[in-house]
Amino acid sequence: MNTPKALKYAKTDEWIKVEGDQAVIGITDYAQDQLSDVVFIEFMIEEGDQVSKGDPLATLESVKAASDVNFPASGTVTAIHEDLVDEPEVINSDPYEAGWMIKITLEDPSELEDLMDSESYEAYNAEREG
């Protein structure tokens, strides 16, 4: 599994890339692998919305299951990757770059302290695999 070191990870399999007070959010390589082929995405928010950590940002449907994607941090939505609606398979092929989902302005950067670094996330996934 690809687990970039520059990102933070939530136990619900979202990643967040922070640059100053801006953040980009998507799902991890592990999550897209578990879902298998993503065939549909529905965003639950709009640009300008205030969101809280844990709020749903999208629902993904795959050939295997449907899954909610949640915000790993609170903030204001500044961009939604609408192209994914027409090309959800990008989430499988490139979850960390072309498959990003949402950009936000962070409200409380201290919330990031609750997230895992890449090594901790890899260990967490190994535990789940049993």
N, C-alpha and C. Protein backbone atom coordinates (compact mmCIF):
# COMPACT_ATOMS: atom_id res chain seq x y z
N MET A 1 0.84 -1.20 0.00
CA MET A 1 0.00 0.00 0.00
C MET A 1 0.87 1.25 0.00
N ASN A 2 0.40 2.23 -0.70
CA ASN A 2 1.09 3.51 -0.75
C ASN A 2 0.58 4.38 0.40
N THR A 3 1.50 4.84 1.26
CA THR A 3 1.13 5.68 2.41
C THR A 3 2.13 6.85 2.48
N PRO A 4 1.89 7.91 1.70
CA PRO A 4 2.84 9.03 1.68
C PRO A 4 3.12 9.60 3.08
N LYS A 5 4.39 9.88 3.34
CA LYS A 5 4.83 10.35 4.65
C LYS A 5 4.36 11.77 4.97
N ALA A 6 4.11 12.59 3.95
CA ALA A 6 3.76 14.00 4.18
C ALA A 6 2.31 14.21 4.62
N LEU A 7 1.52 13.13 4.66
CA LEU A 7 0.10 13.24 4.97
C LEU A 7 -0.20 12.79 6.39
N LYS A 8 -1.39 13.15 6.87
CA LYS A 8 -1.93 12.66 8.14
C LYS A 8 -3.11 11.76 7.77
N TYR A 9 -3.42 10.79 8.66
CA TYR A 9 -4.43 9.78 8.36
C TYR A 9 -5.43 9.62 9.49
N ALA A 10 -6.70 9.42 9.11
CA ALA A 10 -7.77 9.17 10.09
C ALA A 10 -8.04 7.66 10.14
N LYS A 11 -8.55 7.19 11.29
CA LYS A 11 -8.92 5.78 11.43
C LYS A 11 -10.04 5.39 10.48
N THR A 12 -10.75 6.39 9.95
CA THR A 12 -11.83 6.13 8.99
C THR A 12 -11.32 6.17 7.55
N ASP A 13 -9.99 6.13 7.38
CA ASP A 13 -9.31 5.98 6.09
C ASP A 13 -9.33 7.20 5.17
N GLU A 14 -9.41 8.40 5.77
CA GLU A 14 -9.21 9.61 4.99
C GLU A 14 -7.79 10.11 5.20
N TRP A 15 -7.24 10.79 4.21
CA TRP A 15 -5.94 11.45 4.36
C TRP A 15 -6.18 12.96 4.28
N ILE A 16 -5.23 13.71 4.86
CA ILE A 16 -5.29 15.16 4.79
C ILE A 16 -3.87 15.67 4.57
N LYS A 17 -3.74 16.56 3.61
CA LYS A 17 -2.46 17.20 3.29
C LYS A 17 -2.60 18.67 3.67
N VAL A 18 -1.76 19.14 4.57
CA VAL A 18 -1.88 20.49 5.10
C VAL A 18 -0.76 21.37 4.53
N GLU A 19 -1.17 22.55 4.04
CA GLU A 19 -0.23 23.56 3.56
C GLU A 19 -0.67 24.88 4.16
N GLY A 20 -0.02 25.29 5.25
CA GLY A 20 -0.42 26.49 5.96
C GLY A 20 -1.78 26.26 6.62
N ASP A 21 -2.76 27.13 6.31
CA ASP A 21 -4.10 26.92 6.87
C ASP A 21 -5.04 26.25 5.87
N GLN A 22 -4.47 25.79 4.74
CA GLN A 22 -5.25 25.10 3.71
C GLN A 22 -5.01 23.59 3.81
N ALA A 23 -6.03 22.80 3.48
CA ALA A 23 -5.88 21.35 3.54
C ALA A 23 -6.63 20.70 2.37
N VAL A 24 -6.07 19.63 1.88
CA VAL A 24 -6.67 18.81 0.83
C VAL A 24 -7.00 17.47 1.46
N ILE A 25 -8.17 16.92 1.10
CA ILE A 25 -8.66 15.68 1.73
C ILE A 25 -9.07 14.68 0.65
N GLY A 26 -8.80 13.40 0.94
CA GLY A 26 -9.24 12.32 0.06
C GLY A 26 -9.27 11.02 0.85
N ILE A 27 -9.42 9.90 0.14
CA ILE A 27 -9.37 8.60 0.83
C ILE A 27 -8.04 7.93 0.52
N THR A 28 -7.64 7.05 1.41
CA THR A 28 -6.34 6.40 1.31
C THR A 28 -6.32 5.28 0.27
N ASP A 29 -5.09 4.89 -0.07
CA ASP A 29 -4.89 3.76 -0.96
C ASP A 29 -5.51 2.51 -0.36
N TYR A 30 -5.36 2.34 0.95
CA TYR A 30 -5.96 1.19 1.64
C TYR A 30 -7.48 1.19 1.44
N ALA A 31 -8.10 2.35 1.62
CA ALA A 31 -9.57 2.45 1.49
C ALA A 31 -10.03 2.13 0.08
N GLN A 32 -9.37 2.70 -0.92
CA GLN A 32 -9.81 2.44 -2.30
C GLN A 32 -9.60 0.97 -2.64
N ASP A 33 -8.55 0.34 -2.09
CA ASP A 33 -8.30 -1.07 -2.33
C ASP A 33 -9.39 -1.93 -1.70
N GLN A 34 -9.82 -1.57 -0.49
CA GLN A 34 -10.89 -2.31 0.19
C GLN A 34 -12.22 -2.16 -0.54
N LEU A 35 -12.48 -0.97 -1.06
CA LEU A 35 -13.74 -0.73 -1.78
C LEU A 35 -13.77 -1.44 -3.13
N SER A 36 -12.62 -1.58 -3.75
CA SER A 36 -12.49 -2.08 -5.11
C SER A 36 -12.87 -0.97 -6.08
N ASP A 37 -13.47 -1.29 -7.21
CA ASP A 37 -13.72 -0.29 -8.26
C ASP A 37 -14.78 0.71 -7.86
N VAL A 38 -14.37 1.97 -7.65
CA VAL A 38 -15.31 3.04 -7.31
C VAL A 38 -16.06 3.43 -8.58
N VAL A 39 -17.40 3.40 -8.51
CA VAL A 39 -18.22 3.67 -9.69
C VAL A 39 -19.09 4.92 -9.55
N PHE A 40 -19.15 5.49 -8.32
CA PHE A 40 -20.03 6.64 -8.10
C PHE A 40 -19.57 7.42 -6.87
N ILE A 41 -19.65 8.74 -6.95
CA ILE A 41 -19.39 9.59 -5.79
C ILE A 41 -20.48 10.65 -5.73
N GLU A 42 -20.98 10.88 -4.52
CA GLU A 42 -21.94 11.95 -4.29
C GLU A 42 -21.41 12.82 -3.16
N PHE A 43 -21.14 14.08 -3.47
CA PHE A 43 -20.67 15.01 -2.45
C PHE A 43 -21.84 15.47 -1.60
N MET A 44 -21.60 15.57 -0.27
CA MET A 44 -22.66 15.93 0.68
C MET A 44 -22.60 17.39 1.11
N ILE A 45 -21.67 18.15 0.54
CA ILE A 45 -21.44 19.53 0.97
C ILE A 45 -21.29 20.42 -0.26
N GLU A 46 -21.25 21.72 -0.01
CA GLU A 46 -21.05 22.68 -1.09
C GLU A 46 -19.92 23.62 -0.72
N GLU A 47 -19.34 24.24 -1.74
CA GLU A 47 -18.29 25.22 -1.49
C GLU A 47 -18.82 26.31 -0.57
N GLY A 48 -18.01 26.71 0.40
CA GLY A 48 -18.42 27.74 1.36
C GLY A 48 -19.02 27.19 2.64
N ASP A 49 -19.38 25.89 2.65
CA ASP A 49 -19.95 25.28 3.85
C ASP A 49 -18.94 25.22 4.98
N GLN A 50 -19.42 25.46 6.20
CA GLN A 50 -18.63 25.24 7.42
C GLN A 50 -18.83 23.78 7.79
N VAL A 51 -17.75 23.07 8.03
CA VAL A 51 -17.84 21.65 8.36
C VAL A 51 -17.08 21.36 9.65
N SER A 52 -17.51 20.31 10.33
CA SER A 52 -16.85 19.89 11.57
C SER A 52 -16.19 18.54 11.35
N LYS A 53 -15.13 18.30 12.12
CA LYS A 53 -14.44 17.01 12.08
C LYS A 53 -15.48 15.91 12.28
N GLY A 54 -15.46 14.90 11.41
CA GLY A 54 -16.39 13.79 11.51
C GLY A 54 -17.62 13.93 10.63
N ASP A 55 -17.90 15.15 10.14
CA ASP A 55 -19.06 15.33 9.24
C ASP A 55 -18.83 14.56 7.94
N PRO A 56 -19.91 14.05 7.33
CA PRO A 56 -19.76 13.38 6.05
C PRO A 56 -19.46 14.38 4.93
N LEU A 57 -18.52 14.03 4.06
CA LEU A 57 -18.23 14.89 2.92
C LEU A 57 -18.72 14.28 1.61
N ALA A 58 -18.76 12.95 1.55
CA ALA A 58 -19.22 12.29 0.33
C ALA A 58 -19.61 10.85 0.64
N THR A 59 -20.37 10.27 -0.29
CA THR A 59 -20.64 8.84 -0.27
C THR A 59 -20.02 8.26 -1.52
N LEU A 60 -19.27 7.19 -1.34
CA LEU A 60 -18.68 6.47 -2.46
C LEU A 60 -19.41 5.16 -2.64
N GLU A 61 -19.65 4.81 -3.89
CA GLU A 61 -20.19 3.48 -4.18
C GLU A 61 -19.20 2.77 -5.08
N SER A 62 -19.01 1.49 -4.76
CA SER A 62 -18.11 0.66 -5.55
C SER A 62 -18.86 -0.60 -5.96
N VAL A 63 -18.17 -1.46 -6.69
CA VAL A 63 -18.79 -2.72 -7.08
C VAL A 63 -19.03 -3.61 -5.85
N LYS A 64 -18.35 -3.31 -4.73
CA LYS A 64 -18.47 -4.11 -3.52
C LYS A 64 -19.41 -3.53 -2.47
N ALA A 65 -19.38 -2.19 -2.30
CA ALA A 65 -20.08 -1.60 -1.16
C ALA A 65 -20.24 -0.09 -1.33
N ALA A 66 -21.00 0.50 -0.42
CA ALA A 66 -21.10 1.96 -0.33
C ALA A 66 -20.41 2.36 0.97
N SER A 67 -19.77 3.52 0.95
CA SER A 67 -19.02 3.96 2.11
C SER A 67 -19.06 5.47 2.22
N ASP A 68 -19.19 5.97 3.46
CA ASP A 68 -19.13 7.41 3.68
C ASP A 68 -17.69 7.84 3.83
N VAL A 69 -17.41 9.05 3.36
CA VAL A 69 -16.12 9.69 3.55
C VAL A 69 -16.37 10.86 4.49
N ASN A 70 -15.55 10.99 5.54
CA ASN A 70 -15.77 12.02 6.55
C ASN A 70 -14.63 13.02 6.61
N PHE A 71 -14.93 14.19 7.15
CA PHE A 71 -13.90 15.22 7.31
C PHE A 71 -12.99 14.84 8.48
N PRO A 72 -11.66 14.80 8.26
CA PRO A 72 -10.73 14.53 9.34
C PRO A 72 -10.40 15.77 10.17
N ALA A 73 -10.90 16.93 9.74
CA ALA A 73 -10.67 18.19 10.46
C ALA A 73 -11.80 19.16 10.11
N SER A 74 -11.98 20.16 10.96
CA SER A 74 -13.02 21.18 10.75
C SER A 74 -12.50 22.33 9.89
N GLY A 75 -13.43 23.00 9.21
CA GLY A 75 -13.03 24.15 8.42
C GLY A 75 -14.11 24.63 7.49
N THR A 76 -13.71 25.40 6.49
CA THR A 76 -14.61 25.94 5.47
C THR A 76 -14.22 25.35 4.13
N VAL A 77 -15.19 24.79 3.41
CA VAL A 77 -14.93 24.17 2.11
C VAL A 77 -14.57 25.25 1.09
N THR A 78 -13.39 25.10 0.47
CA THR A 78 -12.95 26.08 -0.53
C THR A 78 -12.99 25.52 -1.95
N ALA A 79 -12.99 24.18 -2.09
CA ALA A 79 -13.06 23.58 -3.43
C ALA A 79 -13.57 22.15 -3.32
N ILE A 80 -14.32 21.75 -4.33
CA ILE A 80 -14.84 20.38 -4.44
C ILE A 80 -14.37 19.85 -5.79
N HIS A 81 -13.80 18.67 -5.80
CA HIS A 81 -13.29 18.08 -7.04
C HIS A 81 -14.45 17.45 -7.83
N GLU A 82 -15.22 18.31 -8.46
CA GLU A 82 -16.44 17.89 -9.18
C GLU A 82 -16.15 16.92 -10.33
N ASP A 83 -14.93 16.95 -10.90
CA ASP A 83 -14.61 16.04 -12.01
C ASP A 83 -14.75 14.58 -11.61
N LEU A 84 -14.64 14.30 -10.30
CA LEU A 84 -14.76 12.91 -9.84
C LEU A 84 -16.16 12.35 -10.06
N VAL A 85 -17.16 13.22 -10.15
CA VAL A 85 -18.52 12.75 -10.40
C VAL A 85 -18.58 12.01 -11.74
N ASP A 86 -17.87 12.54 -12.74
CA ASP A 86 -17.84 11.91 -14.06
C ASP A 86 -16.75 10.85 -14.21
N GLU A 87 -15.74 10.93 -13.34
CA GLU A 87 -14.61 9.99 -13.42
C GLU A 87 -14.24 9.45 -12.04
N PRO A 88 -15.16 8.75 -11.36
CA PRO A 88 -14.86 8.27 -9.99
C PRO A 88 -13.72 7.26 -9.95
N GLU A 89 -13.43 6.61 -11.06
CA GLU A 89 -12.37 5.61 -11.10
C GLU A 89 -10.99 6.21 -10.81
N VAL A 90 -10.86 7.54 -10.94
CA VAL A 90 -9.59 8.22 -10.62
C VAL A 90 -9.23 8.00 -9.15
N ILE A 91 -10.24 7.83 -8.30
CA ILE A 91 -9.99 7.58 -6.88
C ILE A 91 -9.20 6.28 -6.71
N ASN A 92 -9.47 5.28 -7.55
CA ASN A 92 -8.73 4.03 -7.49
C ASN A 92 -7.33 4.16 -8.08
N SER A 93 -7.20 4.85 -9.19
CA SER A 93 -5.91 4.89 -9.88
C SER A 93 -4.92 5.87 -9.25
N ASP A 94 -5.41 6.93 -8.59
CA ASP A 94 -4.51 7.94 -8.04
C ASP A 94 -5.15 8.63 -6.83
N PRO A 95 -5.31 7.88 -5.70
CA PRO A 95 -6.05 8.43 -4.56
C PRO A 95 -5.41 9.65 -3.91
N TYR A 96 -4.09 9.84 -4.07
CA TYR A 96 -3.42 10.93 -3.36
C TYR A 96 -3.19 12.19 -4.18
N GLU A 97 -3.32 12.12 -5.48
CA GLU A 97 -3.08 13.30 -6.30
C GLU A 97 -4.35 13.65 -7.08
N ALA A 98 -4.55 12.99 -8.21
CA ALA A 98 -5.71 13.30 -9.07
C ALA A 98 -7.03 12.94 -8.39
N GLY A 99 -6.99 12.04 -7.40
CA GLY A 99 -8.21 11.60 -6.72
C GLY A 99 -8.58 12.39 -5.47
N TRP A 100 -7.96 13.57 -5.27
CA TRP A 100 -8.34 14.38 -4.10
C TRP A 100 -9.83 14.72 -4.20
N MET A 101 -10.47 14.99 -3.08
CA MET A 101 -11.93 15.22 -3.08
C MET A 101 -12.32 16.65 -2.70
N ILE A 102 -11.75 17.16 -1.61
CA ILE A 102 -12.19 18.43 -1.03
C ILE A 102 -10.98 19.24 -0.58
N LYS A 103 -11.10 20.55 -0.67
CA LYS A 103 -10.11 21.45 -0.07
C LYS A 103 -10.85 22.31 0.95
N ILE A 104 -10.18 22.53 2.08
CA ILE A 104 -10.77 23.36 3.13
C ILE A 104 -9.73 24.34 3.69
N THR A 105 -10.24 25.40 4.30
CA THR A 105 -9.42 26.25 5.15
C THR A 105 -9.62 25.72 6.56
N LEU A 106 -8.54 25.33 7.20
CA LEU A 106 -8.62 24.74 8.54
C LEU A 106 -9.13 25.75 9.57
N GLU A 107 -10.01 25.25 10.43
CA GLU A 107 -10.54 26.07 11.52
C GLU A 107 -9.68 25.92 12.78
N ASP A 108 -9.28 24.68 13.08
CA ASP A 108 -8.55 24.40 14.31
C ASP A 108 -7.43 23.40 14.02
N PRO A 109 -6.25 23.89 13.64
CA PRO A 109 -5.15 22.98 13.30
C PRO A 109 -4.79 21.99 14.40
N SER A 110 -5.15 22.27 15.65
CA SER A 110 -4.83 21.33 16.73
C SER A 110 -5.57 20.00 16.56
N GLU A 111 -6.67 19.99 15.79
CA GLU A 111 -7.39 18.73 15.53
C GLU A 111 -6.50 17.72 14.81
N LEU A 112 -5.50 18.20 14.10
CA LEU A 112 -4.61 17.31 13.35
C LEU A 112 -3.78 16.44 14.27
N GLU A 113 -3.63 16.86 15.52
CA GLU A 113 -2.84 16.09 16.48
C GLU A 113 -3.48 14.72 16.76
N ASP A 114 -4.79 14.59 16.53
CA ASP A 114 -5.49 13.32 16.75
C ASP A 114 -5.28 12.33 15.61
N LEU A 115 -4.71 12.79 14.50
CA LEU A 115 -4.54 11.93 13.33
C LEU A 115 -3.22 11.18 13.39
N MET A 116 -3.10 10.15 12.55
CA MET A 116 -1.91 9.30 12.53
C MET A 116 -0.92 9.76 11.46
N ASP A 117 0.37 9.50 11.71
CA ASP A 117 1.36 9.68 10.66
C ASP A 117 1.36 8.40 9.82
N SER A 118 2.18 8.38 8.76
CA SER A 118 2.13 7.23 7.84
C SER A 118 2.50 5.92 8.53
N GLU A 119 3.50 5.93 9.42
CA GLU A 119 3.91 4.70 10.10
C GLU A 119 2.79 4.16 10.99
N SER A 120 2.15 5.06 11.73
CA SER A 120 1.05 4.65 12.61
C SER A 120 -0.12 4.11 11.81
N TYR A 121 -0.41 4.74 10.68
CA TYR A 121 -1.52 4.29 9.83
C TYR A 121 -1.22 2.92 9.24
N GLU A 122 0.01 2.70 8.81
CA GLU A 122 0.39 1.38 8.29
C GLU A 122 0.25 0.30 9.36
N ALA A 123 0.66 0.62 10.58
CA ALA A 123 0.54 -0.33 11.70
C ALA A 123 -0.93 -0.61 12.00
N TYR A 124 -1.75 0.44 11.96
CA TYR A 124 -3.20 0.30 12.19
C TYR A 124 -3.82 -0.62 11.14
N ASN A 125 -3.42 -0.45 9.89
CA ASN A 125 -3.95 -1.31 8.82
C ASN A 125 -3.50 -2.76 9.00
N ALA A 126 -2.28 -2.96 9.43
CA ALA A 126 -1.77 -4.31 9.67
C ALA A 126 -2.57 -5.00 10.77
N GLU A 127 -2.91 -4.23 11.82
CA GLU A 127 -3.75 -4.76 12.91
C GLU A 127 -5.10 -5.20 12.37
N ARG A 128 -5.72 -4.36 11.52
CA ARG A 128 -7.04 -4.68 10.99
C ARG A 128 -7.01 -5.91 10.09
N GLU A 129 -5.91 -6.10 9.40
CA GLU A 129 -5.79 -7.25 8.51
C GLU A 129 -5.66 -8.54 9.33
N GLY A 130 -5.24 -8.38 10.60
CA GLY A 130 -5.16 -9.49 11.53
C GLY A 130 -4.01 -10.40 11.24
